[in-house]
Amino acid sequence: MSYKLGVVAHTARADQAHQLMDGCGAVYMSVDNGHLGATRNHRRVWSWLSGHHGSSSSHLIVIEDDAIP
């Protein structure tokens, strides 16, 4: 199984999100100040992952900035 990770984050937790991204090997992160909202921010990451890494990975995973892997 191969996978690619993406992170969704709020600007208030950007530092935490960057640490999470580095720690889990995520390839993309979308940071939003609330303007996009949760759904659109998640969709942004799904779209990026599927457009850039979908064909080379069997699984695409999106995690939130407060996740504890």
Protein backbone atom coordinates (compact mmCIF):
# COMPACT_ATOMS: atom_id res chain seq x y z
CA MET A 1 0.00 0.00 0.00
CA SER A 2 1.28 3.45 -0.87
CA TYR A 3 -0.22 6.67 0.44
CA LYS A 4 0.16 10.43 0.43
CA LEU A 5 -0.87 12.69 3.29
CA GLY A 6 -2.25 16.20 3.24
CA VAL A 7 -3.00 18.51 6.17
CA VAL A 8 -5.82 21.03 6.63
CA ALA A 9 -5.15 23.84 9.09
CA HIS A 10 -6.45 27.06 10.53
CA THR A 11 -4.09 30.02 10.69
CA ALA A 12 -4.32 29.99 14.50
CA ARG A 13 -2.70 26.53 14.48
CA ALA A 14 -0.26 26.97 11.59
CA ASP A 15 2.85 26.23 13.69
CA GLN A 16 1.26 23.05 15.04
CA ALA A 17 0.23 22.09 11.50
CA HIS A 18 3.77 22.55 10.16
CA GLN A 19 5.13 20.30 12.92
CA LEU A 20 2.48 17.70 12.09
CA MET A 21 3.29 17.92 8.39
CA ASP A 22 7.00 17.40 9.02
CA GLY A 23 6.40 14.64 11.55
CA CYS A 24 4.10 12.53 9.41
CA GLY A 25 5.62 13.25 6.01
CA ALA A 26 2.65 15.10 4.51
CA VAL A 27 3.22 16.42 1.00
CA TYR A 28 0.73 19.31 1.03
CA MET A 29 -0.95 21.62 3.50
CA SER A 30 -3.78 24.10 3.10
CA VAL A 31 -4.00 26.82 5.74
CA ASP A 32 -7.21 28.84 5.96
CA ASN A 33 -8.22 31.76 8.17
CA GLY A 34 -11.84 30.62 8.14
CA HIS A 35 -12.72 32.24 4.81
CA LEU A 36 -12.84 28.94 2.93
CA GLY A 37 -14.48 26.99 5.72
CA ALA A 38 -13.85 23.37 6.60
CA THR A 39 -15.45 21.76 3.56
CA ARG A 40 -13.67 23.90 0.97
CA ASN A 41 -10.35 23.61 2.78
CA HIS A 42 -10.63 19.81 2.84
CA ARG A 43 -11.65 19.79 -0.83
CA ARG A 44 -8.59 21.86 -1.68
CA VAL A 45 -6.31 19.22 -0.15
CA TRP A 46 -8.19 16.30 -1.74
CA SER A 47 -8.00 18.02 -5.11
CA TRP A 48 -4.27 18.70 -4.82
CA LEU A 49 -3.49 15.16 -3.68
CA SER A 50 -5.56 13.52 -6.41
CA GLY A 51 -4.18 15.83 -9.10
CA HIS A 52 -0.54 15.49 -8.13
CA HIS A 53 -0.20 12.09 -6.53
CA GLY A 54 -3.39 10.12 -7.22
CA SER A 55 -1.98 7.86 -9.88
CA SER A 56 1.12 6.90 -7.90
CA SER A 57 -0.60 6.22 -4.56
CA SER A 58 -3.22 3.68 -3.61
CA HIS A 59 -4.49 5.83 -0.72
CA LEU A 60 -4.83 9.58 -0.17
CA ILE A 61 -5.26 10.77 3.43
CA VAL A 62 -6.26 14.17 4.75
CA ILE A 63 -5.62 14.96 8.41
CA GLU A 64 -6.50 18.00 10.50
CA ASP A 65 -4.05 20.28 12.24
CA ASP A 66 -4.95 18.92 15.68
CA ALA A 67 -4.49 15.25 14.78
CA ILE A 68 -2.25 13.09 16.96
CA PRO A 69 -0.81 10.33 14.75
